[in-house]
Amino acid sequence: MKPIETQERVGAVAMALGITFSIVWALSSYAYAKPTETELPPAAKLVAVKSCS
């Protein structure tokens, strides 16, 4: 077996980091989903009014 050269190691590390970050980026959309554009329920409006006054 020939030894792994530095260029091949850097390429392997870059690929591993790229795959890792792409997985994290894809899964982050589940954790930080865009809020819905619907109106707040009445209970949430009441809490918002009480907390502001």
Protein backbone atom coordinates (compact mmCIF):
# COMPACT_ATOMS: atom_id res chain seq x y z
CA MET A 1 0.00 0.00 0.00
CA LYS A 2 1.24 3.43 -0.84
CA PRO A 3 1.06 6.16 1.80
CA ILE A 4 -1.72 8.71 1.50
CA GLU A 5 -0.45 12.01 0.22
CA THR A 6 -1.24 15.34 1.85
CA GLN A 7 -3.38 16.48 -1.08
CA GLU A 8 -5.55 13.37 -0.80
CA ARG A 9 -5.95 13.89 2.96
CA VAL A 10 -7.00 17.50 2.48
CA GLY A 11 -9.48 16.42 -0.17
CA ALA A 12 -10.94 13.76 2.10
CA VAL A 13 -11.27 16.20 5.02
CA ALA A 14 -12.89 18.81 2.78
CA MET A 15 -15.38 16.27 1.47
CA ALA A 16 -16.21 15.05 4.96
CA LEU A 17 -16.77 18.61 6.18
CA GLY A 18 -18.90 19.41 3.14
CA ILE A 19 -21.11 16.38 3.71
CA THR A 20 -21.40 17.15 7.42
CA PHE A 21 -22.39 20.77 6.87
CA SER A 22 -24.88 19.87 4.14
CA ILE A 23 -26.59 17.40 6.49
CA VAL A 24 -26.69 19.99 9.30
CA TRP A 25 -28.03 22.62 6.89
CA ALA A 26 -30.76 20.26 5.65
CA LEU A 27 -31.82 19.29 9.17
CA SER A 28 -31.80 22.86 10.45
CA SER A 29 -34.87 23.65 8.38
CA TYR A 30 -36.82 21.26 10.62
CA ALA A 31 -35.65 22.92 13.83
CA TYR A 32 -36.10 26.48 12.60
CA ALA A 33 -39.13 26.23 10.38
CA LYS A 34 -40.67 29.43 9.04
CA PRO A 35 -43.58 30.55 11.24
CA THR A 36 -46.99 30.12 9.73
CA GLU A 37 -48.71 33.10 8.19
CA THR A 38 -51.99 32.44 9.99
CA GLU A 39 -53.60 34.70 12.55
CA LEU A 40 -52.83 34.20 16.24
CA PRO A 41 -55.40 32.31 18.30
CA PRO A 42 -57.47 34.40 20.75
CA ALA A 43 -55.57 33.10 23.79
CA ALA A 44 -52.24 34.20 22.32
CA LYS A 45 -53.65 37.66 21.58
CA LEU A 46 -54.84 37.96 25.18
CA VAL A 47 -51.40 37.02 26.53
CA ALA A 48 -49.74 39.50 24.14
CA VAL A 49 -52.06 42.32 25.29
CA LYS A 50 -51.53 41.56 28.99
CA SER A 51 -47.76 41.36 28.66
CA CYS A 52 -47.52 44.68 26.80
CA SER A 53 -49.58 46.70 29.27
